[in-house]
Amino acid sequence: MNTSLVRRASVAAALALAAGVAQAHEGHGAHGLAAGLAHPFAGADHLLAMIAVGLWSAAVLPAAQRLAGPAFFLLALLAGAFVGVQTGAGAYIEAGVALSVALFGVLLLARRQLPAVAGFALVAAAGALHGVAHGAEWAAGSSFAAYATGFVLGSALLHAAGLVAGSWLARVPAWVWRVQAAGVGAAGLFMFASRI
């Protein structure tokens, strides 16, 4: 493996992540399948969290159980969305969403040192927080089913990307894994600090 190529790819990924960190959610009153599908891609917080779930699942879970991490997240995401529709996001949901990204960085760094049950608990809690944020942005009067279908599909696509990236990262030097995990955690802390 060409170490120089891996370093350049790592730097490029870090710069791409840093560029997206400053993004906030662009607007409220989302409606329809297309808006739901785009929502997980629109903010660095959602994007990084979804990919981190896939990364963690690929790195920690046995091959036959790798879809369990994304499934836990998606179920909690839907449950949280129903709460968000009823109650709104609340003052600290955005900070909580950012903190979940930082905690995913810790989870990725710890990888196999933490029991899988702790990882599943974090995945489910983060899914619920992200779901509340999604649900609170739904435009009342439009089809919640179409919007929810969109954000679940968008999230599942990002989980799949994380699973693929996690399988690839299993074959590169360990420092590459640590760099990407630290990058996720640092991005989450930066977003958290900007929201409190």
C-alpha atoms as a PDB file:
ATOM      1  CA  MET A   1       0.000   0.000   0.000  1.00  0.00           C
ATOM      2  CA  ASN A   2       1.341   3.413  -0.961  1.00  0.00           C
ATOM      3  CA  THR A   3       1.709   5.309   2.346  1.00  0.00           C
ATOM      4  CA  SER A   4       1.950   8.661   0.562  1.00  0.00           C
ATOM      5  CA  LEU A   5      -1.354   8.018  -1.206  1.00  0.00           C
ATOM      6  CA  VAL A   6      -3.048   7.074   2.069  1.00  0.00           C
ATOM      7  CA  ARG A   7      -1.754  10.247   3.729  1.00  0.00           C
ATOM      8  CA  ARG A   8      -2.959  12.422   0.866  1.00  0.00           C
ATOM      9  CA  ALA A   9      -6.377  10.758   0.930  1.00  0.00           C
ATOM     10  CA  SER A  10      -6.575  11.284   4.708  1.00  0.00           C
ATOM     11  CA  VAL A  11      -5.713  14.971   4.392  1.00  0.00           C
ATOM     12  CA  ALA A  12      -8.269  15.411   1.604  1.00  0.00           C
ATOM     13  CA  ALA A  13     -10.954  13.709   3.705  1.00  0.00           C
ATOM     14  CA  ALA A  14     -10.100  15.867   6.719  1.00  0.00           C
ATOM     15  CA  LEU A  15     -10.337  19.040   4.634  1.00  0.00           C
ATOM     16  CA  ALA A  16     -13.666  17.952   3.187  1.00  0.00           C
ATOM     17  CA  LEU A  17     -14.983  17.299   6.678  1.00  0.00           C
ATOM     18  CA  ALA A  18     -13.724  20.635   7.933  1.00  0.00           C
ATOM     19  CA  ALA A  19     -15.432  22.439   5.058  1.00  0.00           C
ATOM     20  CA  GLY A  20     -18.751  20.843   5.918  1.00  0.00           C
ATOM     21  CA  VAL A  21     -18.539  21.436   9.655  1.00  0.00           C
ATOM     22  CA  ALA A  22     -19.640  25.030   9.368  1.00  0.00           C
ATOM     23  CA  GLN A  23     -22.904  24.081   7.700  1.00  0.00           C
ATOM     24  CA  ALA A  24     -26.017  24.489   9.761  1.00  0.00           C
ATOM     25  CA  HIS A  25     -29.447  23.226   8.910  1.00  0.00           C
ATOM     26  CA  GLU A  26     -30.741  25.309   6.074  1.00  0.00           C
ATOM     27  CA  GLY A  27     -34.335  26.041   6.784  1.00  0.00           C
ATOM     28  CA  HIS A  28     -37.352  24.606   8.394  1.00  0.00           C
ATOM     29  CA  GLY A  29     -40.692  23.500   7.075  1.00  0.00           C
ATOM     30  CA  ALA A  30     -39.329  20.553   5.100  1.00  0.00           C
ATOM     31  CA  HIS A  31     -41.867  18.515   3.183  1.00  0.00           C
ATOM     32  CA  GLY A  32     -41.963  15.684   0.696  1.00  0.00           C
ATOM     33  CA  LEU A  33     -39.778  12.739  -0.199  1.00  0.00           C
ATOM     34  CA  ALA A  34     -37.045  14.832  -1.847  1.00  0.00           C
ATOM     35  CA  ALA A  35     -36.678  17.138   1.181  1.00  0.00           C
ATOM     36  CA  GLY A  36     -36.506  14.150   3.504  1.00  0.00           C
ATOM     37  CA  LEU A  37     -33.956  12.398   1.303  1.00  0.00           C
ATOM     38  CA  ALA A  38     -31.766  15.516   1.158  1.00  0.00           C
ATOM     39  CA  HIS A  39     -31.983  16.321   4.868  1.00  0.00           C
ATOM     40  CA  PRO A  40     -29.326  13.856   6.171  1.00  0.00           C
ATOM     41  CA  PHE A  41     -26.906  15.195   3.541  1.00  0.00           C
ATOM     42  CA  ALA A  42     -27.571  18.878   4.274  1.00  0.00           C
ATOM     43  CA  GLY A  43     -25.753  19.231   7.587  1.00  0.00           C
ATOM     44  CA  ALA A  44     -22.337  17.952   8.637  1.00  0.00           C
ATOM     45  CA  ASP A  45     -23.774  16.781  11.969  1.00  0.00           C
ATOM     46  CA  HIS A  46     -26.224  14.345  10.374  1.00  0.00           C
ATOM     47  CA  LEU A  47     -23.796  13.338   7.642  1.00  0.00           C
ATOM     48  CA  LEU A  48     -20.967  12.474  10.040  1.00  0.00           C
ATOM     49  CA  ALA A  49     -23.234  10.660  12.490  1.00  0.00           C
ATOM     50  CA  MET A  50     -24.789   8.424   9.827  1.00  0.00           C
ATOM     51  CA  ILE A  51     -21.421   7.504   8.352  1.00  0.00           C
ATOM     52  CA  ALA A  52     -19.974   6.887  11.850  1.00  0.00           C
ATOM     53  CA  VAL A  53     -22.718   4.345  12.581  1.00  0.00           C
ATOM     54  CA  GLY A  54     -21.684   2.402   9.490  1.00  0.00           C
ATOM     55  CA  LEU A  55     -17.988   2.691  10.335  1.00  0.00           C
ATOM     56  CA  TRP A  56     -18.536   1.421  13.874  1.00  0.00           C
ATOM     57  CA  SER A  57     -20.752  -1.430  12.691  1.00  0.00           C
ATOM     58  CA  ALA A  58     -18.170  -2.560  10.120  1.00  0.00           C
ATOM     59  CA  ALA A  59     -15.308  -2.378  12.630  1.00  0.00           C
ATOM     60  CA  VAL A  60     -16.914  -3.949  15.692  1.00  0.00           C
ATOM     61  CA  LEU A  61     -19.824  -6.198  14.790  1.00  0.00           C
ATOM     62  CA  PRO A  62     -19.506  -9.703  13.315  1.00  0.00           C
ATOM     63  CA  ALA A  63     -20.292  -9.821   9.598  1.00  0.00           C
ATOM     64  CA  ALA A  64     -23.709 -11.420  10.161  1.00  0.00           C
ATOM     65  CA  GLN A  65     -24.727  -8.589  12.539  1.00  0.00           C
ATOM     66  CA  ARG A  66     -23.339  -5.527  10.766  1.00  0.00           C
ATOM     67  CA  LEU A  67     -26.734  -4.226   9.785  1.00  0.00           C
ATOM     68  CA  ALA A  68     -27.838  -4.159  13.440  1.00  0.00           C
ATOM     69  CA  GLY A  69     -26.142  -0.804  14.143  1.00  0.00           C
ATOM     70  CA  PRO A  70     -27.870   0.999  11.261  1.00  0.00           C
ATOM     71  CA  ALA A  71     -31.169  -0.751  12.097  1.00  0.00           C
ATOM     72  CA  PHE A  72     -31.035   0.458  15.723  1.00  0.00           C
ATOM     73  CA  PHE A  73     -30.280   3.982  14.533  1.00  0.00           C
ATOM     74  CA  LEU A  74     -33.078   4.037  11.955  1.00  0.00           C
ATOM     75  CA  LEU A  75     -35.706   2.722  14.389  1.00  0.00           C
ATOM     76  CA  ALA A  76     -34.683   5.308  16.991  1.00  0.00           C
ATOM     77  CA  LEU A  77     -34.590   7.971  14.253  1.00  0.00           C
ATOM     78  CA  LEU A  78     -38.231   7.294  13.383  1.00  0.00           C
ATOM     79  CA  ALA A  79     -39.306   7.241  17.026  1.00  0.00           C
ATOM     80  CA  GLY A  80     -37.482  10.526  17.647  1.00  0.00           C
ATOM     81  CA  ALA A  81     -39.069  12.068  14.548  1.00  0.00           C
ATOM     82  CA  PHE A  82     -42.540  11.372  15.919  1.00  0.00           C
ATOM     83  CA  VAL A  83     -41.515  13.111  19.144  1.00  0.00           C
ATOM     84  CA  GLY A  84     -40.091  16.057  17.176  1.00  0.00           C
ATOM     85  CA  VAL A  85     -43.318  16.459  15.217  1.00  0.00           C
ATOM     86  CA  GLN A  86     -45.305  16.631  18.460  1.00  0.00           C
ATOM     87  CA  THR A  87     -42.985  18.726  20.614  1.00  0.00           C
ATOM     88  CA  GLY A  88     -40.590  20.603  18.349  1.00  0.00           C
ATOM     89  CA  ALA A  89     -36.834  20.482  18.707  1.00  0.00           C
ATOM     90  CA  GLY A  90     -36.357  22.263  22.015  1.00  0.00           C
ATOM     91  CA  ALA A  91     -33.529  24.605  22.858  1.00  0.00           C
ATOM     92  CA  TYR A  92     -30.757  22.044  23.198  1.00  0.00           C
ATOM     93  CA  ILE A  93     -31.513  19.449  20.512  1.00  0.00           C
ATOM     94  CA  GLU A  94     -29.004  20.908  18.040  1.00  0.00           C
ATOM     95  CA  ALA A  95     -26.298  20.899  20.721  1.00  0.00           C
ATOM     96  CA  GLY A  96     -27.245  17.302  21.562  1.00  0.00           C
ATOM     97  CA  VAL A  97     -26.997  16.296  17.922  1.00  0.00           C
ATOM     98  CA  ALA A  98     -23.509  17.839  17.716  1.00  0.00           C
ATOM     99  CA  LEU A  99     -22.483  16.144  20.959  1.00  0.00           C
ATOM    100  CA  SER A 100     -23.606  12.802  19.521  1.00  0.00           C
ATOM    101  CA  VAL A 101     -21.092  13.288  16.688  1.00  0.00           C
ATOM    102  CA  ALA A 102     -18.312  13.934  19.226  1.00  0.00           C
ATOM    103  CA  LEU A 103     -19.330  10.809  21.124  1.00  0.00           C
ATOM    104  CA  PHE A 104     -19.259   8.808  17.906  1.00  0.00           C
ATOM    105  CA  GLY A 105     -15.637   9.914  17.532  1.00  0.00           C
ATOM    106  CA  VAL A 106     -14.930   8.472  20.996  1.00  0.00           C
ATOM    107  CA  LEU A 107     -16.812   5.288  20.098  1.00  0.00           C
ATOM    108  CA  LEU A 108     -14.756   4.921  16.923  1.00  0.00           C
ATOM    109  CA  LEU A 109     -11.495   5.523  18.792  1.00  0.00           C
ATOM    110  CA  ALA A 110     -12.420   2.975  21.462  1.00  0.00           C
ATOM    111  CA  ARG A 111     -13.655   0.492  18.855  1.00  0.00           C
ATOM    112  CA  ARG A 112     -13.282  -2.875  20.524  1.00  0.00           C
ATOM    113  CA  GLN A 113     -12.509  -1.650  24.054  1.00  0.00           C
ATOM    114  CA  LEU A 114     -16.176  -0.835  24.686  1.00  0.00           C
ATOM    115  CA  PRO A 115     -18.782  -3.595  24.766  1.00  0.00           C
ATOM    116  CA  ALA A 116     -21.103  -3.671  21.763  1.00  0.00           C
ATOM    117  CA  VAL A 117     -24.090  -3.025  24.035  1.00  0.00           C
ATOM    118  CA  ALA A 118     -22.626   0.398  24.943  1.00  0.00           C
ATOM    119  CA  GLY A 119     -22.229   1.136  21.245  1.00  0.00           C
ATOM    120  CA  PHE A 120     -25.827   0.129  20.543  1.00  0.00           C
ATOM    121  CA  ALA A 121     -27.027   2.376  23.380  1.00  0.00           C
ATOM    122  CA  LEU A 122     -25.145   5.366  21.946  1.00  0.00           C
ATOM    123  CA  VAL A 123     -26.368   4.569  18.426  1.00  0.00           C
ATOM    124  CA  ALA A 124     -30.000   4.436  19.609  1.00  0.00           C
ATOM    125  CA  ALA A 125     -29.725   7.616  21.715  1.00  0.00           C
ATOM    126  CA  ALA A 126     -28.106   9.493  18.830  1.00  0.00           C
ATOM    127  CA  GLY A 127     -30.735   8.177  16.433  1.00  0.00           C
ATOM    128  CA  ALA A 128     -33.497   9.516  18.679  1.00  0.00           C
ATOM    129  CA  LEU A 129     -31.833  12.962  18.926  1.00  0.00           C
ATOM    130  CA  HIS A 130     -31.337  13.188  15.180  1.00  0.00           C
ATOM    131  CA  GLY A 131     -34.919  12.037  14.703  1.00  0.00           C
ATOM    132  CA  VAL A 132     -36.277  14.812  16.922  1.00  0.00           C
ATOM    133  CA  ALA A 133     -34.339  17.329  14.817  1.00  0.00           C
ATOM    134  CA  HIS A 134     -35.734  15.827  11.581  1.00  0.00           C
ATOM    135  CA  GLY A 135     -39.286  15.690  12.914  1.00  0.00           C
ATOM    136  CA  ALA A 136     -39.206  19.264  14.169  1.00  0.00           C
ATOM    137  CA  GLU A 137     -38.336  20.490  10.664  1.00  0.00           C
ATOM    138  CA  TRP A 138     -41.330  18.829   9.006  1.00  0.00           C
ATOM    139  CA  ALA A 139     -43.837  21.195   7.392  1.00  0.00           C
ATOM    140  CA  ALA A 140     -47.213  20.569   9.001  1.00  0.00           C
ATOM    141  CA  GLY A 141     -49.904  19.868   6.464  1.00  0.00           C
ATOM    142  CA  SER A 142     -47.600  17.994   4.091  1.00  0.00           C
ATOM    143  CA  SER A 143     -47.124  14.214   4.015  1.00  0.00           C
ATOM    144  CA  PHE A 144     -45.062  13.137   7.007  1.00  0.00           C
ATOM    145  CA  ALA A 145     -44.886   9.604   5.561  1.00  0.00           C
ATOM    146  CA  ALA A 146     -43.171  10.869   2.385  1.00  0.00           C
ATOM    147  CA  TYR A 147     -40.785  13.097   4.339  1.00  0.00           C
ATOM    148  CA  ALA A 148     -39.947  10.294   6.808  1.00  0.00           C
ATOM    149  CA  THR A 149     -39.412   7.805   3.985  1.00  0.00           C
ATOM    150  CA  GLY A 150     -36.952  10.252   2.475  1.00  0.00           C
ATOM    151  CA  PHE A 151     -34.864  10.869   5.579  1.00  0.00           C
ATOM    152  CA  VAL A 152     -34.807   7.162   6.443  1.00  0.00           C
ATOM    153  CA  LEU A 153     -33.605   6.309   2.920  1.00  0.00           C
ATOM    154  CA  GLY A 154     -31.014   9.111   2.994  1.00  0.00           C
ATOM    155  CA  SER A 155     -29.762   7.953   6.375  1.00  0.00           C
ATOM    156  CA  ALA A 156     -29.601   4.328   5.194  1.00  0.00           C
ATOM    157  CA  LEU A 157     -27.496   5.394   2.183  1.00  0.00           C
ATOM    158  CA  LEU A 158     -25.034   7.143   4.500  1.00  0.00           C
ATOM    159  CA  HIS A 159     -24.939   4.103   6.797  1.00  0.00           C
ATOM    160  CA  ALA A 160     -24.113   1.974   3.744  1.00  0.00           C
ATOM    161  CA  ALA A 161     -21.300   4.368   2.814  1.00  0.00           C
ATOM    162  CA  GLY A 162     -19.958   4.044   6.355  1.00  0.00           C
ATOM    163  CA  LEU A 163     -20.107   0.247   6.169  1.00  0.00           C
ATOM    164  CA  VAL A 164     -18.137   0.266   2.913  1.00  0.00           C
ATOM    165  CA  ALA A 165     -15.594   2.769   4.283  1.00  0.00           C
ATOM    166  CA  GLY A 166     -15.276   0.764   7.506  1.00  0.00           C
ATOM    167  CA  SER A 167     -14.515  -2.410   5.538  1.00  0.00           C
ATOM    168  CA  TRP A 168     -11.851  -0.520   3.603  1.00  0.00           C
ATOM    169  CA  LEU A 169     -10.346   1.032   6.743  1.00  0.00           C
ATOM    170  CA  ALA A 170      -9.950  -2.441   8.240  1.00  0.00           C
ATOM    171  CA  ARG A 171      -7.253  -3.063   5.616  1.00  0.00           C
ATOM    172  CA  VAL A 172      -5.181   0.106   6.067  1.00  0.00           C
ATOM    173  CA  PRO A 173      -2.704   0.993   8.836  1.00  0.00           C
ATOM    174  CA  ALA A 174      -4.298   1.542  12.257  1.00  0.00           C
ATOM    175  CA  TRP A 175      -3.231   5.201  12.363  1.00  0.00           C
ATOM    176  CA  VAL A 176      -5.573   5.945   9.433  1.00  0.00           C
ATOM    177  CA  TRP A 177      -8.499   4.658  11.522  1.00  0.00           C
ATOM    178  CA  ARG A 178      -7.378   6.769  14.479  1.00  0.00           C
ATOM    179  CA  VAL A 179      -7.072   9.897  12.317  1.00  0.00           C
ATOM    180  CA  GLN A 180     -10.588   9.556  10.909  1.00  0.00           C
ATOM    181  CA  ALA A 181     -12.040   8.762  14.352  1.00  0.00           C
ATOM    182  CA  ALA A 182     -10.320  11.780  15.885  1.00  0.00           C
ATOM    183  CA  GLY A 183     -11.545  13.906  12.969  1.00  0.00           C
ATOM    184  CA  VAL A 184     -15.156  12.883  13.606  1.00  0.00           C
ATOM    185  CA  GLY A 185     -14.781  13.612  17.319  1.00  0.00           C
ATOM    186  CA  ALA A 186     -13.120  16.992  16.737  1.00  0.00           C
ATOM    187  CA  ALA A 187     -15.798  18.019  14.225  1.00  0.00           C
ATOM    188  CA  GLY A 188     -18.479  17.093  16.755  1.00  0.00           C
ATOM    189  CA  LEU A 189     -16.803  19.118  19.503  1.00  0.00           C
ATOM    190  CA  PHE A 190     -16.459  22.105  17.196  1.00  0.00           C
ATOM    191  CA  MET A 191     -20.147  21.957  16.280  1.00  0.00           C
ATOM    192  CA  PHE A 192     -21.127  21.461  19.919  1.00  0.00           C
ATOM    193  CA  ALA A 193     -19.079  24.487  21.029  1.00  0.00           C
ATOM    194  CA  SER A 194     -20.731  26.617  18.347  1.00  0.00           C
ATOM    195  CA  ARG A 195     -24.233  25.656  19.542  1.00  0.00           C
ATOM    196  CA  ILE A 196     -24.029  26.149  23.293  1.00  0.00           C
END
